[in-house]
Amino acid sequence: MLTKESFKGDAFIVSEDFAWETVDEGVQRKILGYDDHVMMVCVRFEKGAIGSLHHHVHRQVSYVESGRFEVSIDGRKKILEQGDCFFVAPDLVHGVVALEEGSLVDFLK
């Protein structure tokens, strides 16, 4: 059950209050709102940067905020651009390649 005590942070999230964290070459992220059940992460990519193939137990929905990405999910690939989304079921291997500079907004549950 979601309670005010389980939330990690303030209910109002101001992006500029969070620093970008380098996670790989050409890839930075900001972990914003989260609790024990859901998390939102902004991830920005330089052109050619790779979000390495990985998997996790969480469901993930990602929104392409800007740019173009080659997205791989469970061996299937598709090019997505600004305004598109993708859904990753638990434990599926997935990753992205930035075809141009861009950013994703990830929601994990």
C-alpha atoms as a PDB file:
ATOM      1  CA  MET A   1       0.000   0.000   0.000  1.00  0.00           C
ATOM      2  CA  LEU A   2       1.313   3.434  -0.906  1.00  0.00           C
ATOM      3  CA  THR A   3       1.581   5.672   2.096  1.00  0.00           C
ATOM      4  CA  LYS A   4       3.083   9.072   2.591  1.00  0.00           C
ATOM      5  CA  GLU A   5       5.767   7.387   4.733  1.00  0.00           C
ATOM      6  CA  SER A   6       6.867   5.083   1.866  1.00  0.00           C
ATOM      7  CA  PHE A   7       7.468   7.942  -0.619  1.00  0.00           C
ATOM      8  CA  LYS A   8      11.144   8.833  -1.069  1.00  0.00           C
ATOM      9  CA  GLY A   9      11.133  12.612  -1.314  1.00  0.00           C
ATOM     10  CA  ASP A  10       8.720  15.474  -1.753  1.00  0.00           C
ATOM     11  CA  ALA A  11       5.405  15.131  -3.566  1.00  0.00           C
ATOM     12  CA  PHE A  12       6.452  18.026  -5.831  1.00  0.00           C
ATOM     13  CA  ILE A  13       9.498  17.275  -7.941  1.00  0.00           C
ATOM     14  CA  VAL A  14      11.499  20.142  -9.449  1.00  0.00           C
ATOM     15  CA  SER A  15      13.925  18.737 -12.018  1.00  0.00           C
ATOM     16  CA  GLU A  16      16.576  21.421 -11.480  1.00  0.00           C
ATOM     17  CA  ASP A  17      16.871  20.279  -7.845  1.00  0.00           C
ATOM     18  CA  PHE A  18      18.415  16.991  -9.051  1.00  0.00           C
ATOM     19  CA  ALA A  19      21.872  16.547 -10.575  1.00  0.00           C
ATOM     20  CA  TRP A  20      22.554  14.514 -13.704  1.00  0.00           C
ATOM     21  CA  GLU A  21      24.476  11.305 -12.950  1.00  0.00           C
ATOM     22  CA  THR A  22      26.787   9.761 -15.588  1.00  0.00           C
ATOM     23  CA  VAL A  23      25.926   6.084 -16.002  1.00  0.00           C
ATOM     24  CA  ASP A  24      27.869   5.225 -19.153  1.00  0.00           C
ATOM     25  CA  GLU A  25      29.737   6.942 -21.954  1.00  0.00           C
ATOM     26  CA  GLY A  26      27.350   9.533 -23.395  1.00  0.00           C
ATOM     27  CA  VAL A  27      24.514   8.565 -21.033  1.00  0.00           C
ATOM     28  CA  GLN A  28      23.288  10.563 -18.030  1.00  0.00           C
ATOM     29  CA  ARG A  29      20.242  10.141 -15.813  1.00  0.00           C
ATOM     30  CA  LYS A  30      18.190  11.809 -13.102  1.00  0.00           C
ATOM     31  CA  ILE A  31      16.226   9.571 -10.774  1.00  0.00           C
ATOM     32  CA  LEU A  32      13.216  11.652  -9.812  1.00  0.00           C
ATOM     33  CA  GLY A  33      10.122  10.484  -7.915  1.00  0.00           C
ATOM     34  CA  TYR A  34      10.089   6.976  -6.491  1.00  0.00           C
ATOM     35  CA  ASP A  35       8.873   4.786  -3.695  1.00  0.00           C
ATOM     36  CA  ASP A  36       8.847   1.020  -3.127  1.00  0.00           C
ATOM     37  CA  HIS A  37       6.436   0.502  -6.063  1.00  0.00           C
ATOM     38  CA  VAL A  38       7.250   2.929  -8.893  1.00  0.00           C
ATOM     39  CA  MET A  39      10.139   5.053 -10.168  1.00  0.00           C
ATOM     40  CA  MET A  40      10.555   7.752 -12.821  1.00  0.00           C
ATOM     41  CA  VAL A  41      13.934   8.367 -14.457  1.00  0.00           C
ATOM     42  CA  CYS A  42      14.965  10.926 -17.089  1.00  0.00           C
ATOM     43  CA  VAL A  43      17.815   9.650 -19.279  1.00  0.00           C
ATOM     44  CA  ARG A  44      19.667  11.722 -21.862  1.00  0.00           C
ATOM     45  CA  PHE A  45      21.906  10.349 -24.590  1.00  0.00           C
ATOM     46  CA  GLU A  46      24.551  11.785 -26.862  1.00  0.00           C
ATOM     47  CA  LYS A  47      24.366  10.675 -30.505  1.00  0.00           C
ATOM     48  CA  GLY A  48      25.674   7.100 -30.769  1.00  0.00           C
ATOM     49  CA  ALA A  49      25.441   6.413 -27.033  1.00  0.00           C
ATOM     50  CA  ILE A  50      24.230   2.986 -25.982  1.00  0.00           C
ATOM     51  CA  GLY A  51      21.814   1.999 -23.257  1.00  0.00           C
ATOM     52  CA  SER A  52      23.323  -1.469 -22.824  1.00  0.00           C
ATOM     53  CA  LEU A  53      21.204  -4.599 -23.064  1.00  0.00           C
ATOM     54  CA  HIS A  54      19.938  -5.562 -19.609  1.00  0.00           C
ATOM     55  CA  HIS A  55      16.907  -6.965 -17.808  1.00  0.00           C
ATOM     56  CA  HIS A  56      15.153  -6.489 -14.476  1.00  0.00           C
ATOM     57  CA  VAL A  57      12.073  -7.697 -12.624  1.00  0.00           C
ATOM     58  CA  HIS A  58      10.274  -4.378 -13.104  1.00  0.00           C
ATOM     59  CA  ARG A  59       7.791  -3.429 -15.797  1.00  0.00           C
ATOM     60  CA  GLN A  60       9.024  -0.422 -17.755  1.00  0.00           C
ATOM     61  CA  VAL A  61       7.304   2.103 -19.997  1.00  0.00           C
ATOM     62  CA  SER A  62       9.593   4.586 -21.732  1.00  0.00           C
ATOM     63  CA  TYR A  63       8.564   7.781 -23.528  1.00  0.00           C
ATOM     64  CA  VAL A  64      10.829   9.241 -26.214  1.00  0.00           C
ATOM     65  CA  GLU A  65      10.976  12.853 -25.100  1.00  0.00           C
ATOM     66  CA  SER A  66      13.341  13.850 -27.926  1.00  0.00           C
ATOM     67  CA  GLY A  67      15.603  12.299 -30.554  1.00  0.00           C
ATOM     68  CA  ARG A  68      15.526   8.951 -32.363  1.00  0.00           C
ATOM     69  CA  PHE A  69      16.438   5.577 -30.864  1.00  0.00           C
ATOM     70  CA  GLU A  70      16.872   2.034 -32.074  1.00  0.00           C
ATOM     71  CA  VAL A  71      15.096   0.085 -29.343  1.00  0.00           C
ATOM     72  CA  SER A  72      15.705  -3.623 -28.783  1.00  0.00           C
ATOM     73  CA  ILE A  73      13.266  -5.711 -26.719  1.00  0.00           C
ATOM     74  CA  ASP A  74      13.612  -9.490 -26.497  1.00  0.00           C
ATOM     75  CA  GLY A  75      15.560  -9.590 -29.780  1.00  0.00           C
ATOM     76  CA  ARG A  76      13.103  -7.386 -31.708  1.00  0.00           C
ATOM     77  CA  LYS A  77      14.273  -3.965 -32.912  1.00  0.00           C
ATOM     78  CA  LYS A  78      12.362  -0.858 -33.925  1.00  0.00           C
ATOM     79  CA  ILE A  79      13.294   2.778 -34.515  1.00  0.00           C
ATOM     80  CA  LEU A  80      11.266   5.155 -32.364  1.00  0.00           C
ATOM     81  CA  GLU A  81      11.241   8.946 -32.291  1.00  0.00           C
ATOM     82  CA  GLN A  82       9.877  11.861 -30.287  1.00  0.00           C
ATOM     83  CA  GLY A  83       6.406  11.106 -28.930  1.00  0.00           C
ATOM     84  CA  ASP A  84       6.706   7.321 -29.269  1.00  0.00           C
ATOM     85  CA  CYS A  85       6.787   4.875 -26.346  1.00  0.00           C
ATOM     86  CA  PHE A  86       7.842   1.321 -25.617  1.00  0.00           C
ATOM     87  CA  PHE A  87       6.800  -1.219 -22.988  1.00  0.00           C
ATOM     88  CA  VAL A  88       9.111  -3.827 -21.466  1.00  0.00           C
ATOM     89  CA  ALA A  89       7.584  -6.756 -19.564  1.00  0.00           C
ATOM     90  CA  PRO A  90       9.473  -8.125 -16.529  1.00  0.00           C
ATOM     91  CA  ASP A  91      12.753  -9.941 -17.240  1.00  0.00           C
ATOM     92  CA  LEU A  92      12.890  -9.175 -20.987  1.00  0.00           C
ATOM     93  CA  VAL A  93      16.318  -8.156 -22.302  1.00  0.00           C
ATOM     94  CA  HIS A  94      16.195  -4.620 -23.667  1.00  0.00           C
ATOM     95  CA  GLY A  95      18.393  -1.663 -24.592  1.00  0.00           C
ATOM     96  CA  VAL A  96      18.673   1.343 -26.892  1.00  0.00           C
ATOM     97  CA  VAL A  97      21.073   3.046 -29.284  1.00  0.00           C
ATOM     98  CA  ALA A  98      20.717   6.821 -29.720  1.00  0.00           C
ATOM     99  CA  LEU A  99      20.613   7.514 -33.455  1.00  0.00           C
ATOM    100  CA  GLU A 100      20.773  11.212 -32.586  1.00  0.00           C
ATOM    101  CA  GLU A 101      21.008  13.202 -29.377  1.00  0.00           C
ATOM    102  CA  GLY A 102      17.869  12.615 -27.342  1.00  0.00           C
ATOM    103  CA  SER A 103      16.191  11.754 -24.078  1.00  0.00           C
ATOM    104  CA  LEU A 104      13.870   9.124 -22.624  1.00  0.00           C
ATOM    105  CA  VAL A 105      11.551   9.284 -19.654  1.00  0.00           C
ATOM    106  CA  ASP A 106      11.366   5.855 -18.005  1.00  0.00           C
ATOM    107  CA  PHE A 107       8.644   4.684 -15.616  1.00  0.00           C
ATOM    108  CA  LEU A 108       9.368   1.449 -13.766  1.00  0.00           C
ATOM    109  CA  LYS A 109       6.991  -0.519 -11.599  1.00  0.00           C
END
